[in-house]
PDB file of N, CA and C in Angstrom:
ATOM      1  N   MET A   1     213.108 233.479  88.231  1.00  0.00           N
ATOM      2  CA  MET A   1     213.035 232.447  87.349  1.00  0.00           C
ATOM      3  C   MET A   1     212.202 231.081  87.094  1.00  0.00           C
ATOM      4  N   ALA A   2     212.161 230.835  86.151  1.00  0.00           N
ATOM      5  CA  ALA A   2     210.988 229.525  86.256  1.00  0.00           C
ATOM      6  C   ALA A   2     212.014 228.171  86.832  1.00  0.00           C
ATOM      7  N   ASP A   3     210.653 227.389  86.575  1.00  0.00           N
ATOM      8  CA  ASP A   3     211.046 226.408  87.521  1.00  0.00           C
ATOM      9  C   ASP A   3     212.191 225.246  86.496  1.00  0.00           C
ATOM     10  N   ILE A   4     212.677 225.980  85.747  1.00  0.00           N
ATOM     11  CA  ILE A   4     213.220 224.896  84.840  1.00  0.00           C
ATOM     12  C   ILE A   4     214.765 224.741  85.333  1.00  0.00           C
ATOM     13  N   ALA A   5     215.594 224.229  85.460  1.00  0.00           N
ATOM     14  CA  ALA A   5     216.908 223.604  85.802  1.00  0.00           C
ATOM     15  C   ALA A   5     217.250 223.691  84.189  1.00  0.00           C
ATOM     16  N   PHE A   6     218.589 224.927  83.892  1.00  0.00           N
ATOM     17  CA  PHE A   6     219.216 224.775  83.199  1.00  0.00           C
ATOM     18  C   PHE A   6     220.478 224.394  83.646  1.00  0.00           C
ATOM     19  N   ASP A   7     221.591 224.277  81.872  1.00  0.00           N
ATOM     20  CA  ASP A   7     223.113 223.679  82.470  1.00  0.00           C
ATOM     21  C   ASP A   7     223.305 224.798  81.941  1.00  0.00           C
ATOM     22  N   GLU A   8     223.314 226.004  81.160  1.00  0.00           N
ATOM     23  CA  GLU A   8     224.132 227.365  80.856  1.00  0.00           C
ATOM     24  C   GLU A   8     223.086 228.410  80.744  1.00  0.00           C
ATOM     25  N   GLN A   9     223.650 229.308  80.978  1.00  0.00           N
ATOM     26  CA  GLN A   9     222.412 230.747  80.524  1.00  0.00           C
ATOM     27  C   GLN A   9     223.671 231.592  79.356  1.00  0.00           C
ATOM     28  N   VAL A  10     223.489 232.716  78.711  1.00  0.00           N
ATOM     29  CA  VAL A  10     223.430 233.629  78.018  1.00  0.00           C
ATOM     30  C   VAL A  10     222.736 235.228  78.254  1.00  0.00           C
ATOM     31  N   ASP A  11     223.164 235.639  78.469  1.00  0.00           N
ATOM     32  CA  ASP A  11     222.366 237.519  78.815  1.00  0.00           C
ATOM     33  C   ASP A  11     222.489 238.069  77.229  1.00  0.00           C
ATOM     34  N   ILE A  12     222.063 238.278  75.984  1.00  0.00           N
ATOM     35  CA  ILE A  12     221.939 239.646  75.406  1.00  0.00           C
ATOM     36  C   ILE A  12     221.265 240.447  74.956  1.00  0.00           C
ATOM     37  N   THR A  13     221.100 240.232  76.516  1.00  0.00           N
ATOM     38  CA  THR A  13     220.007 241.845  76.536  1.00  0.00           C
ATOM     39  C   THR A  13     221.218 243.200  75.462  1.00  0.00           C
ATOM     40  N   ASP A  14     222.269 243.244  75.800  1.00  0.00           N
ATOM     41  CA  ASP A  14     223.305 243.877  74.815  1.00  0.00           C
ATOM     42  C   ASP A  14     223.639 243.537  73.549  1.00  0.00           C
ATOM     43  N   LYS A  15     222.866 242.892  73.055  1.00  0.00           N
ATOM     44  CA  LYS A  15     223.065 242.893  71.225  1.00  0.00           C
ATOM     45  C   LYS A  15     221.804 243.268  70.449  1.00  0.00           C
ATOM     46  N   VAL A  16     221.840 243.199  69.464  1.00  0.00           N
ATOM     47  CA  VAL A  16     220.644 243.721  68.719  1.00  0.00           C
ATOM     48  C   VAL A  16     220.780 242.698  67.676  1.00  0.00           C
ATOM     49  N   CYS A  17     219.816 242.838  66.932  1.00  0.00           N
ATOM     50  CA  CYS A  17     219.501 241.602  65.759  1.00  0.00           C
ATOM     51  C   CYS A  17     220.687 242.158  64.473  1.00  0.00           C
ATOM     52  N   PRO A  18     220.888 241.214  63.970  1.00  0.00           N
ATOM     53  CA  PRO A  18     221.494 239.405  64.094  1.00  0.00           C
ATOM     54  C   PRO A  18     221.938 238.846  64.875  1.00  0.00           C
ATOM     55  N   LEU A  19     222.362 239.871  65.642  1.00  0.00           N
ATOM     56  CA  LEU A  19     223.976 239.096  66.653  1.00  0.00           C
ATOM     57  C   LEU A  19     223.495 238.780  68.009  1.00  0.00           C
ATOM     58  N   THR A  20     221.790 239.261  68.485  1.00  0.00           N
ATOM     59  CA  THR A  20     221.056 238.137  69.344  1.00  0.00           C
ATOM     60  C   THR A  20     221.223 236.895  68.972  1.00  0.00           C
ATOM     61  N   PHE A  21     220.675 236.807  67.772  1.00  0.00           N
ATOM     62  CA  PHE A  21     220.571 234.963  67.649  1.00  0.00           C
ATOM     63  C   PHE A  21     222.162 234.481  67.573  1.00  0.00           C
ATOM     64  N   VAL A  22     222.847 235.198  66.869  1.00  0.00           N
ATOM     65  CA  VAL A  22     224.518 234.799  66.533  1.00  0.00           C
ATOM     66  C   VAL A  22     224.799 234.400  67.928  1.00  0.00           C
ATOM     67  N   LYS A  23     224.884 235.040  68.889  1.00  0.00           N
ATOM     68  CA  LYS A  23     225.178 234.777  70.127  1.00  0.00           C
ATOM     69  C   LYS A  23     224.524 233.437  70.767  1.00  0.00           C
ATOM     70  N   ALA A  24     223.351 233.926  70.983  1.00  0.00           N
ATOM     71  CA  ALA A  24     222.617 232.249  71.549  1.00  0.00           C
ATOM     72  C   ALA A  24     223.225 231.177  70.837  1.00  0.00           C
ATOM     73  N   LYS A  25     222.862 231.257  69.783  1.00  0.00           N
ATOM     74  CA  LYS A  25     223.829 230.014  68.261  1.00  0.00           C
ATOM     75  C   LYS A  25     225.194 229.238  69.145  1.00  0.00           C
ATOM     76  N   VAL A  26     226.020 230.676  69.169  1.00  0.00           N
ATOM     77  CA  VAL A  26     227.305 230.133  69.422  1.00  0.00           C
ATOM     78  C   VAL A  26     227.712 229.279  70.970  1.00  0.00           C
ATOM     79  N   THR A  27     226.799 229.683  71.446  1.00  0.00           N
ATOM     80  CA  THR A  27     226.761 229.106  73.163  1.00  0.00           C
ATOM     81  C   THR A  27     226.135 227.484  73.127  1.00  0.00           C
ATOM     82  N   LEU A  28     224.733 227.992  72.476  1.00  0.00           N
ATOM     83  CA  LEU A  28     223.783 227.151  72.137  1.00  0.00           C
ATOM     84  C   LEU A  28     224.782 225.440  71.925  1.00  0.00           C
ATOM     85  N   ASP A  29     225.532 225.851  70.756  1.00  0.00           N
ATOM     86  CA  ASP A  29     226.589 225.149  69.733  1.00  0.00           C
ATOM     87  C   ASP A  29     227.720 224.340  70.612  1.00  0.00           C
ATOM     88  N   GLU A  30     228.226 224.918  71.859  1.00  0.00           N
ATOM     89  CA  GLU A  30     228.811 224.884  72.580  1.00  0.00           C
ATOM     90  C   GLU A  30     228.247 223.653  73.506  1.00  0.00           C
ATOM     91  N   LEU A  31     227.182 223.548  73.898  1.00  0.00           N
ATOM     92  CA  LEU A  31     226.572 222.242  75.050  1.00  0.00           C
ATOM     93  C   LEU A  31     226.491 220.948  74.384  1.00  0.00           C
ATOM     94  N   ASP A  32     225.843 220.079  75.099  1.00  0.00           N
ATOM     95  CA  ASP A  32     225.960 218.856  74.654  1.00  0.00           C
ATOM     96  C   ASP A  32     224.508 218.391  74.512  1.00  0.00           C
ATOM     97  N   ASP A  33     224.109 217.428  73.345  1.00  0.00           N
ATOM     98  CA  ASP A  33     222.942 217.285  73.409  1.00  0.00           C
ATOM     99  C   ASP A  33     221.528 217.062  74.378  1.00  0.00           C
ATOM    100  N   GLY A  34     220.453 218.105  74.795  1.00  0.00           N
ATOM    101  CA  GLY A  34     219.506 216.895  75.649  1.00  0.00           C
ATOM    102  C   GLY A  34     219.840 218.342  76.702  1.00  0.00           C
ATOM    103  N   GLN A  35     221.563 219.255  76.650  1.00  0.00           N
ATOM    104  CA  GLN A  35     221.026 220.279  77.759  1.00  0.00           C
ATOM    105  C   GLN A  35     220.512 221.004  77.236  1.00  0.00           C
ATOM    106  N   ILE A  36     219.775 222.332  78.576  1.00  0.00           N
ATOM    107  CA  ILE A  36     219.429 222.969  78.498  1.00  0.00           C
ATOM    108  C   ILE A  36     219.875 224.484  78.584  1.00  0.00           C
ATOM    109  N   LEU A  37     219.715 225.693  77.933  1.00  0.00           N
ATOM    110  CA  LEU A  37     220.317 227.204  77.770  1.00  0.00           C
ATOM    111  C   LEU A  37     218.801 228.078  78.584  1.00  0.00           C
ATOM    112  N   ALA A  38     219.264 228.746  79.096  1.00  0.00           N
ATOM    113  CA  ALA A  38     218.842 229.767  79.338  1.00  0.00           C
ATOM    114  C   ALA A  38     219.225 230.748  78.462  1.00  0.00           C
ATOM    115  N   ILE A  39     218.440 232.151  77.678  1.00  0.00           N
ATOM    116  CA  ILE A  39     219.066 233.082  77.083  1.00  0.00           C
ATOM    117  C   ILE A  39     217.949 234.258  77.720  1.00  0.00           C
ATOM    118  N   ARG A  40     218.575 235.235  77.746  1.00  0.00           N
ATOM    119  CA  ARG A  40     217.861 236.248  78.378  1.00  0.00           C
ATOM    120  C   ARG A  40     218.008 237.621  77.901  1.00  0.00           C
ATOM    121  N   MET A  41     216.979 238.376  76.991  1.00  0.00           N
ATOM    122  CA  MET A  41     216.935 238.464  75.738  1.00  0.00           C
ATOM    123  C   MET A  41     215.536 239.953  76.181  1.00  0.00           C
ATOM    124  N   ASN A  42     215.921 241.014  75.217  1.00  0.00           N
ATOM    125  CA  ASN A  42     215.010 242.064  75.146  1.00  0.00           C
ATOM    126  C   ASN A  42     213.525 242.150  74.518  1.00  0.00           C
ATOM    127  N   ASP A  43     212.866 242.409  74.636  1.00  0.00           N
ATOM    128  CA  ASP A  43     211.225 242.313  74.607  1.00  0.00           C
ATOM    129  C   ASP A  43     211.750 243.237  73.256  1.00  0.00           C
ATOM    130  N   GLY A  44     210.940 242.455  72.717  1.00  0.00           N
ATOM    131  CA  GLY A  44     210.658 243.005  70.718  1.00  0.00           C
ATOM    132  C   GLY A  44     211.616 241.700  69.758  1.00  0.00           C
ATOM    133  N   GLU A  45     212.592 242.982  68.823  1.00  0.00           N
ATOM    134  CA  GLU A  45     212.488 241.775  67.829  1.00  0.00           C
ATOM    135  C   GLU A  45     212.828 240.319  68.535  1.00  0.00           C
ATOM    136  N   PRO A  46     214.106 240.821  69.444  1.00  0.00           N
ATOM    137  CA  PRO A  46     214.948 239.594  69.761  1.00  0.00           C
ATOM    138  C   PRO A  46     214.105 238.214  70.416  1.00  0.00           C
ATOM    139  N   VAL A  47     212.906 238.818  70.659  1.00  0.00           N
ATOM    140  CA  VAL A  47     211.461 238.046  71.145  1.00  0.00           C
ATOM    141  C   VAL A  47     210.732 237.391  70.263  1.00  0.00           C
ATOM    142  N   GLN A  48     210.764 238.160  69.245  1.00  0.00           N
ATOM    143  CA  GLN A  48     210.242 237.222  67.934  1.00  0.00           C
ATOM    144  C   GLN A  48     211.172 237.180  67.472  1.00  0.00           C
ATOM    145  N   ASN A  49     212.219 236.774  66.582  1.00  0.00           N
ATOM    146  CA  ASN A  49     213.299 236.261  66.118  1.00  0.00           C
ATOM    147  C   ASN A  49     213.931 235.351  66.373  1.00  0.00           C
ATOM    148  N   VAL A  50     214.525 235.450  67.360  1.00  0.00           N
ATOM    149  CA  VAL A  50     215.747 234.364  68.502  1.00  0.00           C
ATOM    150  C   VAL A  50     214.765 232.600  68.431  1.00  0.00           C
ATOM    151  N   PRO A  51     213.700 232.895  69.382  1.00  0.00           N
ATOM    152  CA  PRO A  51     213.354 231.582  69.000  1.00  0.00           C
ATOM    153  C   PRO A  51     212.530 230.720  68.095  1.00  0.00           C
ATOM    154  N   ARG A  52     212.563 231.507  67.127  1.00  0.00           N
ATOM    155  CA  ARG A  52     211.572 231.265  66.062  1.00  0.00           C
ATOM    156  C   ARG A  52     213.073 230.770  64.889  1.00  0.00           C
ATOM    157  N   SER A  53     214.405 231.678  65.116  1.00  0.00           N
ATOM    158  CA  SER A  53     215.315 230.552  64.579  1.00  0.00           C
ATOM    159  C   SER A  53     215.723 229.493  65.151  1.00  0.00           C
ATOM    160  N   ILE A  54     216.122 230.057  66.368  1.00  0.00           N
ATOM    161  CA  ILE A  54     216.426 228.500  67.374  1.00  0.00           C
ATOM    162  C   ILE A  54     215.380 227.286  66.741  1.00  0.00           C
ATOM    163  N   LYS A  55     214.493 227.216  67.093  1.00  0.00           N
ATOM    164  CA  LYS A  55     214.110 226.121  66.125  1.00  0.00           C
ATOM    165  C   LYS A  55     213.981 225.664  64.832  1.00  0.00           C
ATOM    166  N   ASP A  56     213.888 227.002  64.238  1.00  0.00           N
ATOM    167  CA  ASP A  56     214.507 226.494  62.804  1.00  0.00           C
ATOM    168  C   ASP A  56     215.951 225.702  62.629  1.00  0.00           C
ATOM    169  N   GLU A  57     216.835 225.640  63.904  1.00  0.00           N
ATOM    170  CA  GLU A  57     217.701 225.039  63.948  1.00  0.00           C
ATOM    171  C   GLU A  57     217.657 223.909  64.296  1.00  0.00           C
ATOM    172  N   GLY A  58     216.329 223.665  64.489  1.00  0.00           N
ATOM    173  CA  GLY A  58     215.982 222.553  65.015  1.00  0.00           C
ATOM    174  C   GLY A  58     216.067 222.116  66.417  1.00  0.00           C
ATOM    175  N   HIS A  59     215.726 222.917  67.569  1.00  0.00           N
ATOM    176  CA  HIS A  59     216.098 223.165  68.558  1.00  0.00           C
ATOM    177  C   HIS A  59     214.414 222.874  69.537  1.00  0.00           C
ATOM    178  N   GLN A  60     214.724 222.390  70.566  1.00  0.00           N
ATOM    179  CA  GLN A  60     213.095 222.101  71.160  1.00  0.00           C
ATOM    180  C   GLN A  60     213.289 223.967  71.947  1.00  0.00           C
ATOM    181  N   ILE A  61     211.693 224.732  71.900  1.00  0.00           N
ATOM    182  CA  ILE A  61     211.808 225.699  73.004  1.00  0.00           C
ATOM    183  C   ILE A  61     210.329 224.881  73.878  1.00  0.00           C
ATOM    184  N   LEU A  62     211.459 225.345  74.823  1.00  0.00           N
ATOM    185  CA  LEU A  62     210.767 224.612  76.227  1.00  0.00           C
ATOM    186  C   LEU A  62     209.632 225.912  77.060  1.00  0.00           C
ATOM    187  N   LYS A  63     210.169 227.057  76.801  1.00  0.00           N
ATOM    188  CA  LYS A  63     209.418 228.151  77.544  1.00  0.00           C
ATOM    189  C   LYS A  63     209.925 229.826  77.629  1.00  0.00           C
ATOM    190  N   LEU A  64     208.948 230.548  77.232  1.00  0.00           N
ATOM    191  CA  LEU A  64     209.387 231.736  76.835  1.00  0.00           C
ATOM    192  C   LEU A  64     208.761 232.438  78.592  1.00  0.00           C
ATOM    193  N   GLU A  65     209.597 232.961  79.257  1.00  0.00           N
ATOM    194  CA  GLU A  65     209.297 233.842  79.780  1.00  0.00           C
ATOM    195  C   GLU A  65     209.380 235.114  80.368  1.00  0.00           C
ATOM    196  N   ASP A  66     208.443 235.918  80.756  1.00  0.00           N
ATOM    197  CA  ASP A  66     208.407 237.475  80.696  1.00  0.00           C
ATOM    198  C   ASP A  66     209.087 237.539  82.385  1.00  0.00           C
ATOM    199  N   ASN A  67     210.191 238.195  82.533  1.00  0.00           N
ATOM    200  CA  ASN A  67     210.775 238.412  83.516  1.00  0.00           C
ATOM    201  C   ASN A  67     210.029 239.877  84.320  1.00  0.00           C
ATOM    202  N   GLY A  68     209.237 240.304  83.469  1.00  0.00           N
ATOM    203  CA  GLY A  68     208.444 241.343  84.516  1.00  0.00           C
ATOM    204  C   GLY A  68     209.597 243.061  84.250  1.00  0.00           C
ATOM    205  N   ASP A  69     210.551 242.761  83.520  1.00  0.00           N
ATOM    206  CA  ASP A  69     211.383 244.326  83.559  1.00  0.00           C
ATOM    207  C   ASP A  69     211.722 244.252  82.115  1.00  0.00           C
ATOM    208  N   GLY A  70     211.268 243.989  80.947  1.00  0.00           N
ATOM    209  CA  GLY A  70     211.327 244.369  79.712  1.00  0.00           C
ATOM    210  C   GLY A  70     212.066 243.243  78.894  1.00  0.00           C
ATOM    211  N   THR A  71     212.252 242.310  79.651  1.00  0.00           N
ATOM    212  CA  THR A  71     212.831 241.075  79.594  1.00  0.00           C
ATOM    213  C   THR A  71     212.777 239.763  79.275  1.00  0.00           C
ATOM    214  N   TYR A  72     212.855 239.049  78.502  1.00  0.00           N
ATOM    215  CA  TYR A  72     212.434 237.683  78.867  1.00  0.00           C
ATOM    216  C   TYR A  72     213.019 236.557  78.960  1.00  0.00           C
ATOM    217  N   THR A  73     212.799 235.026  79.336  1.00  0.00           N
ATOM    218  CA  THR A  73     214.294 234.400  79.541  1.00  0.00           C
ATOM    219  C   THR A  73     213.853 232.990  78.616  1.00  0.00           C
ATOM    220  N   LEU A  74     214.296 233.292  77.833  1.00  0.00           N
ATOM    221  CA  LEU A  74     213.855 231.651  76.199  1.00  0.00           C
ATOM    222  C   LEU A  74     214.924 230.619  77.088  1.00  0.00           C
ATOM    223  N   TYR A  75     213.979 229.000  77.181  1.00  0.00           N
ATOM    224  CA  TYR A  75     214.469 228.011  77.819  1.00  0.00           C
ATOM    225  C   TYR A  75     214.262 226.871  76.769  1.00  0.00           C
ATOM    226  N   VAL A  76     215.724 226.718  76.588  1.00  0.00           N
ATOM    227  CA  VAL A  76     216.038 225.986  74.564  1.00  0.00           C
ATOM    228  C   VAL A  76     216.847 224.489  75.214  1.00  0.00           C
ATOM    229  N   LYS A  77     215.752 223.423  74.751  1.00  0.00           N
ATOM    230  CA  LYS A  77     216.697 222.678  74.794  1.00  0.00           C
ATOM    231  C   LYS A  77     217.328 221.911  73.744  1.00  0.00           C
ATOM    232  N   LYS A  78     219.037 221.784  73.952  1.00  0.00           N
ATOM    233  CA  LYS A  78     219.525 221.179  72.535  1.00  0.00           C
ATOM    234  C   LYS A  78     219.159 220.232  72.008  1.00  0.00           C
ATOM    235  N   VAL A  79     218.986 220.004  70.594  1.00  0.00           N
ATOM    236  CA  VAL A  79     218.892 218.696  70.313  1.00  0.00           C
ATOM    237  C   VAL A  79     219.808 218.455  69.159  1.00  0.00           C
ATOM    238  N   GLY A  80     220.376 216.968  68.551  1.00  0.00           N
ATOM    239  CA  GLY A  80     221.163 216.690  68.473  1.00  0.00           C
ATOM    240  C   GLY A  80     221.535 217.454  67.169  1.00  0.00           C
ATOM    241  N   ASP A  81     223.111 217.667  66.392  1.00  0.00           N
ATOM    242  CA  ASP A  81     223.367 218.365  65.691  1.00  0.00           C
ATOM    243  C   ASP A  81     223.151 217.242  64.111  1.00  0.00           C
TER     244      ASP A  81
END
């Protein structure tokens, strides 16, 4: 794991697009502004689409980390609604 401290985490490796973004967004919506969410996702479509969709929502992408096992962890800082 990265050296980024996070407030909440969600594993969406068992979801397929567009449910990957929906599950990540629901979890992000439950956080307070400034909190950090770690999202574990599979390589491929989720890595291409989830960060872009979250950024389009106005949140800050901190880091996308390759876990070395076919999954990635995306660190997102929630920005005000």
